[in-house]
C-alpha atoms as a PDB file:
ATOM      1  CA  MET A   1      -1.108  14.711  26.083  1.00  0.00           C
ATOM      2  CA  PRO A   2      -2.669  11.448  25.940  1.00  0.00           C
ATOM      3  CA  ARG A   3      -6.319  11.009  27.098  1.00  0.00           C
ATOM      4  CA  ARG A   4      -7.288   9.938  30.465  1.00  0.00           C
ATOM      5  CA  ARG A   5      -9.732   7.209  28.265  1.00  0.00           C
ATOM      6  CA  PRO A   6     -10.125   6.561  24.766  1.00  0.00           C
ATOM      7  CA  LEU A   7     -12.180   8.022  22.798  1.00  0.00           C
ATOM      8  CA  VAL A   8     -14.861   5.335  21.271  1.00  0.00           C
ATOM      9  CA  ILE A   9     -14.871   5.553  17.432  1.00  0.00           C
ATOM     10  CA  GLY A  10     -17.679   3.442  15.701  1.00  0.00           C
ATOM     11  CA  HIS A  11     -15.992   1.878  12.889  1.00  0.00           C
ATOM     12  CA  ARG A  12     -18.433   2.021  10.098  1.00  0.00           C
ATOM     13  CA  GLY A  13     -20.985   3.328  12.469  1.00  0.00           C
ATOM     14  CA  ALA A  14     -22.266   0.304  14.522  1.00  0.00           C
ATOM     15  CA  PRO A  15     -21.464  -3.174  12.318  1.00  0.00           C
ATOM     16  CA  GLY A  16     -21.750  -4.991  15.286  1.00  0.00           C
ATOM     17  CA  TYR A  17     -25.440  -4.737  14.740  1.00  0.00           C
ATOM     18  CA  ARG A  18     -26.209  -3.216  11.386  1.00  0.00           C
ATOM     19  CA  PRO A  19     -25.152  -3.120   7.745  1.00  0.00           C
ATOM     20  CA  GLU A  20     -21.844  -1.090   7.953  1.00  0.00           C
ATOM     21  CA  HIS A  21     -22.091   2.271   7.014  1.00  0.00           C
ATOM     22  CA  THR A  22     -25.686   2.423   6.475  1.00  0.00           C
ATOM     23  CA  ARG A  23     -28.049   5.018   8.292  1.00  0.00           C
ATOM     24  CA  SER A  24     -29.170   3.192  11.113  1.00  0.00           C
ATOM     25  CA  SER A  25     -25.754   1.864  11.298  1.00  0.00           C
ATOM     26  CA  TYR A  26     -24.697   5.404  12.016  1.00  0.00           C
ATOM     27  CA  ASP A  27     -27.630   6.588  13.967  1.00  0.00           C
ATOM     28  CA  LEU A  28     -27.340   3.371  16.361  1.00  0.00           C
ATOM     29  CA  ALA A  29     -23.892   3.914  17.055  1.00  0.00           C
ATOM     30  CA  LEU A  30     -24.393   7.731  18.098  1.00  0.00           C
ATOM     31  CA  ALA A  31     -27.020   6.300  20.626  1.00  0.00           C
ATOM     32  CA  LEU A  32     -25.294   3.902  22.059  1.00  0.00           C
ATOM     33  CA  GLY A  33     -22.631   7.267  23.104  1.00  0.00           C
ATOM     34  CA  VAL A  34     -19.700   6.966  20.731  1.00  0.00           C
ATOM     35  CA  ASP A  35     -17.452   9.900  20.769  1.00  0.00           C
ATOM     36  CA  ALA A  36     -16.842   9.890  16.792  1.00  0.00           C
ATOM     37  CA  VAL A  37     -18.101   7.860  13.369  1.00  0.00           C
ATOM     38  CA  GLU A  38     -15.611   6.564  10.956  1.00  0.00           C
ATOM     39  CA  PRO A  39     -16.829   6.397   7.090  1.00  0.00           C
ATOM     40  CA  ASP A  40     -14.557   5.490   4.482  1.00  0.00           C
ATOM     41  CA  VAL A  41     -14.889   6.986   1.587  1.00  0.00           C
ATOM     42  CA  VAL A  42     -14.388   6.078  -2.052  1.00  0.00           C
ATOM     43  CA  PHE A  43     -15.494   7.479  -5.502  1.00  0.00           C
ATOM     44  CA  SER A  44     -18.612   7.724  -7.946  1.00  0.00           C
ATOM     45  CA  SER A  45     -17.500   7.970 -11.735  1.00  0.00           C
ATOM     46  CA  ASP A  46     -18.601  11.981 -11.061  1.00  0.00           C
ATOM     47  CA  GLY A  47     -16.906  12.197  -8.602  1.00  0.00           C
ATOM     48  CA  VAL A  48     -19.224  11.597  -5.333  1.00  0.00           C
ATOM     49  CA  LEU A  49     -17.273  10.316  -2.443  1.00  0.00           C
ATOM     50  CA  VAL A  50     -18.950   7.145  -1.601  1.00  0.00           C
ATOM     51  CA  VAL A  51     -19.282   5.556   1.883  1.00  0.00           C
ATOM     52  CA  ARG A  52     -18.785   1.933   1.294  1.00  0.00           C
ATOM     53  CA  HIS A  53     -15.020   0.363   2.976  1.00  0.00           C
ATOM     54  CA  GLU A  54     -13.824  -0.779  -0.076  1.00  0.00           C
ATOM     55  CA  ASN A  55     -14.737   0.475  -4.121  1.00  0.00           C
ATOM     56  CA  GLU A  56     -15.460  -3.463  -4.615  1.00  0.00           C
ATOM     57  CA  ILE A  57     -19.383  -3.205  -3.836  1.00  0.00           C
ATOM     58  CA  GLY A  58     -20.400  -6.847  -4.723  1.00  0.00           C
ATOM     59  CA  SER A  59     -20.459  -8.317  -0.950  1.00  0.00           C
ATOM     60  CA  THR A  60     -21.604  -5.346   0.945  1.00  0.00           C
ATOM     61  CA  THR A  61     -24.551  -4.211  -1.679  1.00  0.00           C
ATOM     62  CA  ASP A  62     -27.638  -5.879  -3.523  1.00  0.00           C
ATOM     63  CA  VAL A  63     -25.252  -5.555  -7.243  1.00  0.00           C
ATOM     64  CA  ALA A  64     -24.706  -8.776  -8.102  1.00  0.00           C
ATOM     65  CA  SER A  65     -28.581  -9.531  -8.426  1.00  0.00           C
ATOM     66  CA  ARG A  66     -29.339  -6.457 -10.590  1.00  0.00           C
ATOM     67  CA  PRO A  67     -29.752  -7.313 -14.162  1.00  0.00           C
ATOM     68  CA  GLU A  68     -29.089  -3.719 -15.300  1.00  0.00           C
ATOM     69  CA  PHE A  69     -25.835  -3.665 -14.156  1.00  0.00           C
ATOM     70  CA  ALA A  70     -24.309  -7.199 -14.926  1.00  0.00           C
ATOM     71  CA  ALA A  71     -21.857  -5.586 -17.814  1.00  0.00           C
ATOM     72  CA  ARG A  72     -20.249  -3.384 -15.053  1.00  0.00           C
ATOM     73  CA  ARG A  73     -18.960  -6.664 -13.744  1.00  0.00           C
ATOM     74  CA  THR A  74     -15.026  -6.383 -14.382  1.00  0.00           C
ATOM     75  CA  THR A  75     -11.548  -7.496 -12.917  1.00  0.00           C
ATOM     76  CA  ARG A  76      -9.141  -4.519 -11.764  1.00  0.00           C
ATOM     77  CA  ALA A  77      -6.041  -4.116  -9.511  1.00  0.00           C
ATOM     78  CA  VAL A  78      -6.589  -2.332  -6.695  1.00  0.00           C
ATOM     79  CA  ASP A  79      -3.051  -1.430  -4.782  1.00  0.00           C
ATOM     80  CA  GLY A  80      -1.680  -4.531  -6.291  1.00  0.00           C
ATOM     81  CA  VAL A  81      -4.222  -6.569  -5.815  1.00  0.00           C
ATOM     82  CA  GLU A  82      -6.646  -8.344  -8.378  1.00  0.00           C
ATOM     83  CA  LEU A  83     -10.434  -8.358  -7.903  1.00  0.00           C
ATOM     84  CA  THR A  84     -13.367  -9.001  -9.484  1.00  0.00           C
ATOM     85  CA  GLY A  85     -16.632  -7.343  -8.843  1.00  0.00           C
ATOM     86  CA  TRP A  86     -18.429  -4.385  -9.287  1.00  0.00           C
ATOM     87  CA  PHE A  87     -16.731  -0.874  -8.575  1.00  0.00           C
ATOM     88  CA  THR A  88     -17.723   2.154  -7.393  1.00  0.00           C
ATOM     89  CA  GLU A  89     -15.823   4.255  -9.955  1.00  0.00           C
ATOM     90  CA  ASP A  90     -18.008   2.783 -12.473  1.00  0.00           C
ATOM     91  CA  PHE A  91     -21.393   3.637 -11.184  1.00  0.00           C
ATOM     92  CA  THR A  92     -22.658   7.851 -10.969  1.00  0.00           C
ATOM     93  CA  TRP A  93     -23.922   8.168  -7.757  1.00  0.00           C
ATOM     94  CA  ALA A  94     -27.302   8.549  -9.031  1.00  0.00           C
ATOM     95  CA  GLU A  95     -27.105   4.773  -9.914  1.00  0.00           C
ATOM     96  CA  LEU A  96     -25.551   3.541  -6.534  1.00  0.00           C
ATOM     97  CA  SER A  97     -27.731   5.358  -4.813  1.00  0.00           C
ATOM     98  CA  THR A  98     -30.593   2.920  -6.142  1.00  0.00           C
ATOM     99  CA  LEU A  99     -28.498  -0.225  -4.821  1.00  0.00           C
ATOM    100  CA  ARG A 100     -29.563  -1.529  -1.372  1.00  0.00           C
ATOM    101  CA  CYS A 101     -26.626  -2.609   1.210  1.00  0.00           C
ATOM    102  CA  ARG A 102     -25.935  -6.024   2.399  1.00  0.00           C
ATOM    103  CA  GLU A 103     -23.830  -7.603   5.727  1.00  0.00           C
ATOM    104  CA  ARG A 104     -20.474  -7.763   4.627  1.00  0.00           C
ATOM    105  CA  LEU A 105     -19.886 -10.863   6.680  1.00  0.00           C
ATOM    106  CA  PRO A 106     -23.831 -12.655   7.374  1.00  0.00           C
ATOM    107  CA  ALA A 107     -22.608 -16.194   8.616  1.00  0.00           C
ATOM    108  CA  LEU A 108     -21.081 -14.169  11.501  1.00  0.00           C
ATOM    109  CA  ARG A 109     -23.905 -11.530  11.977  1.00  0.00           C
ATOM    110  CA  PRO A 110     -27.029 -12.838  11.234  1.00  0.00           C
ATOM    111  CA  GLY A 111     -29.035 -10.294  13.356  1.00  0.00           C
ATOM    112  CA  SER A 112     -27.257  -7.853  10.930  1.00  0.00           C
ATOM    113  CA  ALA A 113     -27.680  -9.280   7.988  1.00  0.00           C
ATOM    114  CA  SER A 114     -31.781  -9.491   8.733  1.00  0.00           C
ATOM    115  CA  PHE A 115     -31.296  -5.521   7.551  1.00  0.00           C
ATOM    116  CA  ASP A 116     -30.341  -6.925   4.192  1.00  0.00           C
ATOM    117  CA  GLY A 117     -32.192  -4.777   1.457  1.00  0.00           C
ATOM    118  CA  ALA A 118     -33.648  -2.258   3.471  1.00  0.00           C
ATOM    119  CA  GLN A 119     -30.952   0.917   2.790  1.00  0.00           C
ATOM    120  CA  PRO A 120     -29.366   2.480   0.143  1.00  0.00           C
ATOM    121  CA  PRO A 121     -25.265   3.770   0.642  1.00  0.00           C
ATOM    122  CA  LEU A 122     -24.604   7.144   1.687  1.00  0.00           C
ATOM    123  CA  ARG A 123     -22.415   9.538   0.408  1.00  0.00           C
ATOM    124  CA  LEU A 124     -19.686  11.736   3.033  1.00  0.00           C
ATOM    125  CA  VAL A 125     -21.711  14.748   2.984  1.00  0.00           C
ATOM    126  CA  ASP A 126     -24.950  12.035   4.366  1.00  0.00           C
ATOM    127  CA  VAL A 127     -22.888  10.903   7.178  1.00  0.00           C
ATOM    128  CA  LEU A 128     -21.392  14.722   7.953  1.00  0.00           C
ATOM    129  CA  ASP A 129     -25.077  15.921   8.110  1.00  0.00           C
ATOM    130  CA  ILE A 130     -26.133  13.378  10.687  1.00  0.00           C
ATOM    131  CA  VAL A 131     -23.025  13.308  12.917  1.00  0.00           C
ATOM    132  CA  ARG A 132     -23.959  17.304  12.902  1.00  0.00           C
ATOM    133  CA  ALA A 133     -27.132  16.981  13.793  1.00  0.00           C
ATOM    134  CA  ALA A 134     -26.814  14.443  16.472  1.00  0.00           C
ATOM    135  CA  SER A 135     -24.550  16.801  18.312  1.00  0.00           C
ATOM    136  CA  LEU A 136     -27.443  19.000  17.976  1.00  0.00           C
ATOM    137  CA  GLU A 137     -29.653  16.840  19.652  1.00  0.00           C
ATOM    138  CA  ARG A 138     -27.377  15.323  22.251  1.00  0.00           C
ATOM    139  CA  GLY A 139     -26.203  18.652  23.237  1.00  0.00           C
ATOM    140  CA  ARG A 140     -22.033  17.022  23.058  1.00  0.00           C
ATOM    141  CA  GLU A 141     -19.270  17.404  19.992  1.00  0.00           C
ATOM    142  CA  ILE A 142     -19.198  14.303  18.505  1.00  0.00           C
ATOM    143  CA  GLY A 143     -16.769  13.582  15.916  1.00  0.00           C
ATOM    144  CA  VAL A 144     -15.717  12.009  12.610  1.00  0.00           C
ATOM    145  CA  VAL A 145     -13.226  10.191  11.319  1.00  0.00           C
ATOM    146  CA  VAL A 146     -12.729  10.081   7.566  1.00  0.00           C
ATOM    147  CA  GLU A 147     -11.127   7.155   5.883  1.00  0.00           C
ATOM    148  CA  ILE A 148      -9.618   8.318   2.365  1.00  0.00           C
ATOM    149  CA  LYS A 149      -9.354   4.573   0.862  1.00  0.00           C
ATOM    150  CA  HIS A 150      -6.963   3.528  -2.377  1.00  0.00           C
ATOM    151  CA  ALA A 151      -6.141   7.382  -2.981  1.00  0.00           C
ATOM    152  CA  THR A 152      -3.235   6.059  -5.309  1.00  0.00           C
ATOM    153  CA  TYR A 153      -5.294   3.947  -7.063  1.00  0.00           C
ATOM    154  CA  PHE A 154      -8.061   6.549  -7.852  1.00  0.00           C
ATOM    155  CA  GLU A 155      -5.648   9.100  -8.719  1.00  0.00           C
ATOM    156  CA  SER A 156      -4.244   7.432 -11.379  1.00  0.00           C
ATOM    157  CA  ARG A 157      -7.828   6.735 -12.789  1.00  0.00           C
ATOM    158  CA  GLY A 158      -8.040  10.222 -13.197  1.00  0.00           C
ATOM    159  CA  PHE A 159      -9.543  11.291  -9.757  1.00  0.00           C
ATOM    160  CA  ASP A 160      -8.494  14.471  -8.176  1.00  0.00           C
ATOM    161  CA  VAL A 161      -8.512  12.422  -4.557  1.00  0.00           C
ATOM    162  CA  ALA A 162      -7.206  15.575  -2.129  1.00  0.00           C
ATOM    163  CA  GLY A 163      -8.743  18.359  -3.980  1.00  0.00           C
ATOM    164  CA  ALA A 164     -12.499  16.539  -4.269  1.00  0.00           C
ATOM    165  CA  VAL A 165     -12.201  15.603  -0.307  1.00  0.00           C
ATOM    166  CA  ALA A 166     -11.155  18.985   0.974  1.00  0.00           C
ATOM    167  CA  ALA A 167     -13.936  20.324  -1.860  1.00  0.00           C
ATOM    168  CA  GLN A 168     -16.674  18.363  -0.245  1.00  0.00           C
ATOM    169  CA  LEU A 169     -15.472  18.997   3.431  1.00  0.00           C
ATOM    170  CA  THR A 170     -15.875  22.511   2.833  1.00  0.00           C
ATOM    171  CA  ALA A 171     -19.367  22.415   1.421  1.00  0.00           C
ATOM    172  CA  ALA A 172     -20.710  20.737   4.265  1.00  0.00           C
ATOM    173  CA  GLY A 173     -19.024  22.945   6.592  1.00  0.00           C
ATOM    174  CA  TRP A 174     -16.421  20.332   8.298  1.00  0.00           C
ATOM    175  CA  GLY A 175     -13.159  22.558   6.835  1.00  0.00           C
ATOM    176  CA  ALA A 176     -12.416  25.039   9.324  1.00  0.00           C
ATOM    177  CA  GLY A 177     -12.045  23.258  12.572  1.00  0.00           C
ATOM    178  CA  GLU A 178     -15.403  24.257  14.423  1.00  0.00           C
ATOM    179  CA  LEU A 179     -16.277  20.547  14.643  1.00  0.00           C
ATOM    180  CA  PRO A 180     -14.081  17.553  15.651  1.00  0.00           C
ATOM    181  CA  LEU A 181     -12.933  15.923  11.940  1.00  0.00           C
ATOM    182  CA  TYR A 182     -10.070  13.338  12.614  1.00  0.00           C
ATOM    183  CA  LEU A 183      -8.494  12.770   8.363  1.00  0.00           C
ATOM    184  CA  GLU A 184      -6.971   9.347   8.002  1.00  0.00           C
ATOM    185  CA  SER A 185      -5.298   6.966   5.094  1.00  0.00           C
ATOM    186  CA  PHE A 186      -3.073   4.174   4.972  1.00  0.00           C
ATOM    187  CA  GLU A 187      -1.227   6.341   2.421  1.00  0.00           C
ATOM    188  CA  SER A 188       0.259   9.449   3.993  1.00  0.00           C
ATOM    189  CA  THR A 189       0.697  11.323   0.600  1.00  0.00           C
ATOM    190  CA  VAL A 190      -2.480  12.302   0.368  1.00  0.00           C
ATOM    191  CA  LEU A 191      -2.529  13.204   3.949  1.00  0.00           C
ATOM    192  CA  ARG A 192       0.249  15.561   3.118  1.00  0.00           C
ATOM    193  CA  ARG A 193      -2.271  17.167   0.254  1.00  0.00           C
ATOM    194  CA  VAL A 194      -5.504  17.429   2.190  1.00  0.00           C
ATOM    195  CA  ARG A 195      -3.602  19.544   4.619  1.00  0.00           C
ATOM    196  CA  ASP A 196      -1.890  21.323   1.976  1.00  0.00           C
ATOM    197  CA  LEU A 197      -5.694  22.397   0.758  1.00  0.00           C
ATOM    198  CA  GLY A 198      -5.886  23.963   4.259  1.00  0.00           C
ATOM    199  CA  ILE A 199      -8.524  21.888   5.908  1.00  0.00           C
ATOM    200  CA  ARG A 200      -8.159  21.558   9.686  1.00  0.00           C
ATOM    201  CA  GLY A 201      -8.162  18.735  12.009  1.00  0.00           C
ATOM    202  CA  SER A 202      -6.037  16.109  13.253  1.00  0.00           C
ATOM    203  CA  TYR A 203      -4.015  13.668  10.339  1.00  0.00           C
ATOM    204  CA  VAL A 204      -3.846  10.064  11.288  1.00  0.00           C
ATOM    205  CA  TYR A 205      -1.640   7.905   9.407  1.00  0.00           C
ATOM    206  CA  LEU A 206      -3.000   4.221   9.666  1.00  0.00           C
ATOM    207  CA  LEU A 207      -0.386   1.120   9.829  1.00  0.00           C
ATOM    208  CA  GLU A 208      -0.271  -2.342   9.271  1.00  0.00           C
ATOM    209  CA  SER A 209       1.062  -5.122  11.316  1.00  0.00           C
ATOM    210  CA  SER A 210       2.764  -6.067   8.060  1.00  0.00           C
ATOM    211  CA  GLY A 211       3.281  -4.749   4.452  1.00  0.00           C
ATOM    212  CA  SER A 212       4.289  -1.578   3.055  1.00  0.00           C
ATOM    213  CA  ALA A 213       1.681   1.526   2.145  1.00  0.00           C
ATOM    214  CA  TYR A 214       0.896   1.460  -1.266  1.00  0.00           C
ATOM    215  CA  ASP A 215       1.824   5.141  -2.314  1.00  0.00           C
ATOM    216  CA  LEU A 216       5.348   4.245  -1.129  1.00  0.00           C
ATOM    217  CA  VAL A 217       5.687   1.203  -3.426  1.00  0.00           C
ATOM    218  CA  ALA A 218       4.384   3.444  -6.147  1.00  0.00           C
ATOM    219  CA  ALA A 219       7.443   5.361  -5.624  1.00  0.00           C
ATOM    220  CA  HIS A 220       9.972   3.283  -4.364  1.00  0.00           C
ATOM    221  CA  GLY A 221       9.262  -0.639  -5.224  1.00  0.00           C
ATOM    222  CA  ARG A 222      11.176  -2.665  -2.831  1.00  0.00           C
ATOM    223  CA  HIS A 223      13.216   0.001  -1.495  1.00  0.00           C
ATOM    224  CA  ALA A 224       9.694   1.452   0.239  1.00  0.00           C
ATOM    225  CA  PRO A 225      10.175   1.299   4.127  1.00  0.00           C
ATOM    226  CA  THR A 226       7.409  -1.442   5.889  1.00  0.00           C
ATOM    227  CA  TYR A 227       4.661  -0.309   8.126  1.00  0.00           C
ATOM    228  CA  ALA A 228       6.863  -2.006  11.140  1.00  0.00           C
ATOM    229  CA  GLU A 229       9.957   0.522  10.094  1.00  0.00           C
ATOM    230  CA  GLN A 230       7.791   3.709  10.271  1.00  0.00           C
ATOM    231  CA  ALA A 231       6.247   2.384  13.618  1.00  0.00           C
ATOM    232  CA  ALA A 232       9.728   2.188  14.879  1.00  0.00           C
ATOM    233  CA  PRO A 233      11.554   4.866  16.819  1.00  0.00           C
ATOM    234  CA  GLY A 234      13.566   5.579  13.491  1.00  0.00           C
ATOM    235  CA  GLY A 235      10.342   5.979  11.589  1.00  0.00           C
ATOM    236  CA  LEU A 236       8.119   7.515  14.567  1.00  0.00           C
ATOM    237  CA  ASP A 237      10.896  10.371  14.225  1.00  0.00           C
ATOM    238  CA  VAL A 238       9.940  10.939  10.784  1.00  0.00           C
ATOM    239  CA  LEU A 239       5.747  10.372  11.133  1.00  0.00           C
ATOM    240  CA  ALA A 240       6.216  13.131  13.756  1.00  0.00           C
ATOM    241  CA  GLY A 241       6.682  15.708  11.533  1.00  0.00           C
ATOM    242  CA  ILE A 242       4.193  14.624   8.809  1.00  0.00           C
ATOM    243  CA  VAL A 243       0.817  13.778  11.106  1.00  0.00           C
ATOM    244  CA  ASP A 244      -0.542  14.407  14.297  1.00  0.00           C
ATOM    245  CA  GLY A 245      -1.233  10.745  15.111  1.00  0.00           C
ATOM    246  CA  ILE A 246      -0.655   7.199  14.078  1.00  0.00           C
ATOM    247  CA  SER A 247      -3.628   4.555  13.775  1.00  0.00           C
ATOM    248  CA  VAL A 248      -2.128   0.868  14.437  1.00  0.00           C
ATOM    249  CA  ASP A 249      -3.514  -3.080  13.918  1.00  0.00           C
ATOM    250  CA  LYS A 250      -4.099  -4.100  17.341  1.00  0.00           C
ATOM    251  CA  ARG A 251      -1.230  -6.801  17.185  1.00  0.00           C
ATOM    252  CA  MET A 252       1.009  -4.145  16.701  1.00  0.00           C
ATOM    253  CA  ILE A 253      -0.037  -3.186  20.586  1.00  0.00           C
ATOM    254  CA  LEU A 254      -1.011  -7.249  21.731  1.00  0.00           C
ATOM    255  CA  ALA A 255       2.430  -8.264  20.018  1.00  0.00           C
ATOM    256  CA  PRO A 256       1.736 -11.879  20.222  1.00  0.00           C
ATOM    257  CA  ASP A 257       4.213 -14.775  20.440  1.00  0.00           C
ATOM    258  CA  ARG A 258       5.038 -17.489  18.340  1.00  0.00           C
ATOM    259  CA  LEU A 259       2.449 -19.382  19.954  1.00  0.00           C
ATOM    260  CA  GLY A 260       0.136 -16.030  19.410  1.00  0.00           C
ATOM    261  CA  ARG A 261      -0.485 -14.698  22.676  1.00  0.00           C
ATOM    262  CA  ALA A 262      -0.181 -11.686  23.243  1.00  0.00           C
ATOM    263  CA  SER A 263       2.680 -10.609  24.721  1.00  0.00           C
ATOM    264  CA  GLY A 264       1.971  -6.973  24.932  1.00  0.00           C
ATOM    265  CA  PRO A 265       1.670  -3.969  25.096  1.00  0.00           C
ATOM    266  CA  SER A 266       3.845  -3.426  23.150  1.00  0.00           C
ATOM    267  CA  ARG A 267       6.522  -0.494  23.524  1.00  0.00           C
ATOM    268  CA  VAL A 268       5.143   1.557  20.141  1.00  0.00           C
ATOM    269  CA  VAL A 269       2.099   3.577  21.808  1.00  0.00           C
ATOM    270  CA  GLY A 270       4.569   4.922  24.125  1.00  0.00           C
ATOM    271  CA  ASP A 271       7.258   5.646  21.349  1.00  0.00           C
ATOM    272  CA  ALA A 272       4.798   7.364  20.113  1.00  0.00           C
ATOM    273  CA  HIS A 273       3.623   9.608  22.737  1.00  0.00           C
ATOM    274  CA  ALA A 274       7.040  10.583  23.494  1.00  0.00           C
ATOM    275  CA  ARG A 275       7.276  12.156  19.987  1.00  0.00           C
ATOM    276  CA  GLY A 276       3.550  13.522  20.776  1.00  0.00           C
ATOM    277  CA  LEU A 277       1.743  10.841  18.100  1.00  0.00           C
ATOM    278  CA  ARG A 278      -1.831  10.389  19.425  1.00  0.00           C
ATOM    279  CA  VAL A 279      -2.544   6.955  18.748  1.00  0.00           C
ATOM    280  CA  PHE A 280      -5.681   5.036  17.970  1.00  0.00           C
ATOM    281  CA  THR A 281      -5.863   1.354  17.460  1.00  0.00           C
ATOM    282  CA  TRP A 282      -8.412  -1.135  15.564  1.00  0.00           C
ATOM    283  CA  THR A 283     -10.405  -3.234  15.894  1.00  0.00           C
ATOM    284  CA  CYS A 284     -11.997  -4.252  18.884  1.00  0.00           C
ATOM    285  CA  ARG A 285     -14.313  -6.579  18.454  1.00  0.00           C
ATOM    286  CA  PRO A 286     -15.781  -9.547  20.665  1.00  0.00           C
ATOM    287  CA  GLU A 287     -16.323 -12.339  18.360  1.00  0.00           C
ATOM    288  CA  ASN A 288     -13.674 -15.255  18.344  1.00  0.00           C
ATOM    289  CA  ALA A 289     -13.060 -14.743  14.895  1.00  0.00           C
ATOM    290  CA  PHE A 290     -11.538 -11.260  15.767  1.00  0.00           C
ATOM    291  CA  LEU A 291      -9.752 -12.278  18.715  1.00  0.00           C
ATOM    292  CA  THR A 292      -6.539 -13.492  19.755  1.00  0.00           C
ATOM    293  CA  PRO A 293      -6.471 -16.865  19.902  1.00  0.00           C
ATOM    294  CA  GLN A 294      -5.830 -17.255  23.730  1.00  0.00           C
ATOM    295  CA  PHE A 295      -8.983 -14.850  24.648  1.00  0.00           C
ATOM    296  CA  ARG A 296     -11.604 -17.327  22.227  1.00  0.00           C
ATOM    297  CA  SER A 297     -14.226 -19.148  24.415  1.00  0.00           C
ATOM    298  CA  GLY A 298     -16.611 -21.663  22.824  1.00  0.00           C
ATOM    299  CA  ARG A 299     -16.215 -23.391  19.364  1.00  0.00           C
ATOM    300  CA  GLY A 300     -18.507 -20.782  17.159  1.00  0.00           C
ATOM    301  CA  LYS A 301     -16.257 -17.845  15.328  1.00  0.00           C
ATOM    302  CA  ALA A 302     -19.457 -15.402  16.066  1.00  0.00           C
ATOM    303  CA  ALA A 303     -19.791 -16.300  19.986  1.00  0.00           C
ATOM    304  CA  PHE A 304     -17.905 -13.584  21.874  1.00  0.00           C
ATOM    305  CA  GLY A 305     -14.568 -14.868  23.810  1.00  0.00           C
ATOM    306  CA  ASP A 306     -13.266 -13.232  26.712  1.00  0.00           C
ATOM    307  CA  TYR A 307     -12.776  -9.803  24.744  1.00  0.00           C
ATOM    308  CA  GLU A 308     -12.745  -7.543  27.843  1.00  0.00           C
ATOM    309  CA  ALA A 309      -9.392  -9.661  28.805  1.00  0.00           C
ATOM    310  CA  GLU A 310      -7.972  -8.630  25.186  1.00  0.00           C
ATOM    311  CA  TRP A 311      -8.766  -4.976  25.627  1.00  0.00           C
ATOM    312  CA  ARG A 312      -7.235  -4.663  28.658  1.00  0.00           C
ATOM    313  CA  ILE A 313      -3.983  -4.970  27.102  1.00  0.00           C
ATOM    314  CA  ILE A 314      -5.117  -2.248  24.638  1.00  0.00           C
ATOM    315  CA  ALA A 315      -6.200  -0.149  27.650  1.00  0.00           C
ATOM    316  CA  ALA A 316      -2.711  -0.616  29.666  1.00  0.00           C
ATOM    317  CA  ALA A 317      -1.294   0.552  26.628  1.00  0.00           C
ATOM    318  CA  GLY A 318      -2.781   4.275  27.346  1.00  0.00           C
ATOM    319  CA  VAL A 319      -3.956   4.154  23.216  1.00  0.00           C
ATOM    320  CA  ASP A 320      -5.835   7.640  22.347  1.00  0.00           C
ATOM    321  CA  GLY A 321      -9.173   5.943  20.618  1.00  0.00           C
ATOM    322  CA  VAL A 322     -10.324   2.532  19.220  1.00  0.00           C
ATOM    323  CA  PHE A 323     -12.546   1.833  17.098  1.00  0.00           C
ATOM    324  CA  ALA A 324     -14.914  -0.559  17.681  1.00  0.00           C
ATOM    325  CA  ASP A 325     -17.978  -3.037  15.819  1.00  0.00           C
ATOM    326  CA  HIS A 326     -20.246  -3.049  18.785  1.00  0.00           C
ATOM    327  CA  PRO A 327     -20.275   0.454  20.648  1.00  0.00           C
ATOM    328  CA  ASP A 328     -22.307  -0.226  23.306  1.00  0.00           C
ATOM    329  CA  LEU A 329     -19.413  -2.949  24.717  1.00  0.00           C
ATOM    330  CA  ALA A 330     -16.788  -0.374  23.835  1.00  0.00           C
ATOM    331  CA  VAL A 331     -18.340   2.749  25.102  1.00  0.00           C
ATOM    332  CA  GLY A 332     -19.043   0.336  28.459  1.00  0.00           C
ATOM    333  CA  PHE A 333     -15.409  -0.519  28.724  1.00  0.00           C
ATOM    334  CA  PHE A 334     -13.124   2.029  27.840  1.00  0.00           C
ATOM    335  CA  HIS A 335     -15.510   4.999  29.779  1.00  0.00           C
END
């Protein structure tokens, strides 16, 4: 059943204020009252689940300034997109732990960038332990939403993605359902595989507003269904037999028209609820750079626009969870 108020999920912690996926980012999100936090996971060369938004880490760590790692710079095709930089799968966890994190969007978030160079990357187990301790300290259950990144890509490089996720969740005491766990991915194949390994949690399929899932493209080529087709009633009928929920790009709810003006809320949330699926959306951000044009104020991309007007449309849609970069603003609005 839909929640009376949506979960507020700290998207990579509290990256509006601290570099994403750092200890201080998660600590701040928890202090600001989130219901859950969201770590993205990628792999080190020795199979450790590392918490980074992407496996390319040139813009989110100081690796580019480390002469001992200069030769690791390379070019890879990740999900069909060619990228040049430094990739987590070329480093052991011991090597990655010597790096220091940086703000990914320093021009938009200079306050966060002031904390550059102060903190090492985290492993999934570190975030799980942080949240367990915070739940005990604060006397309330706090969830973790684990996003599995680039599963087909990592499998092509020899990693047992589902097996590693299941093993590391189990070892950390998060695999048996005692604590609120959500597993999400833009690829439904890996979610089915993790579920088949007995990990108890809620499985959530991420949907972009355009394009197709890479696991489906790898399997079916040009015949792969699009995300839009999967979000349509017939596609949701199929997903209802595979996952517990969907997490949609906010554009799919706001439904901007040809002039870029929001015409939503669209029917996607109601259609999903009618099939017993929960619906999350991403990402609630206040800066002009991320808002639908009609809600922008002033000239600067970093300035806060009329984000509450945009969020009112999202709330009216009846979503079950929102991902937010500024947890205090989201908790204040949605709770």
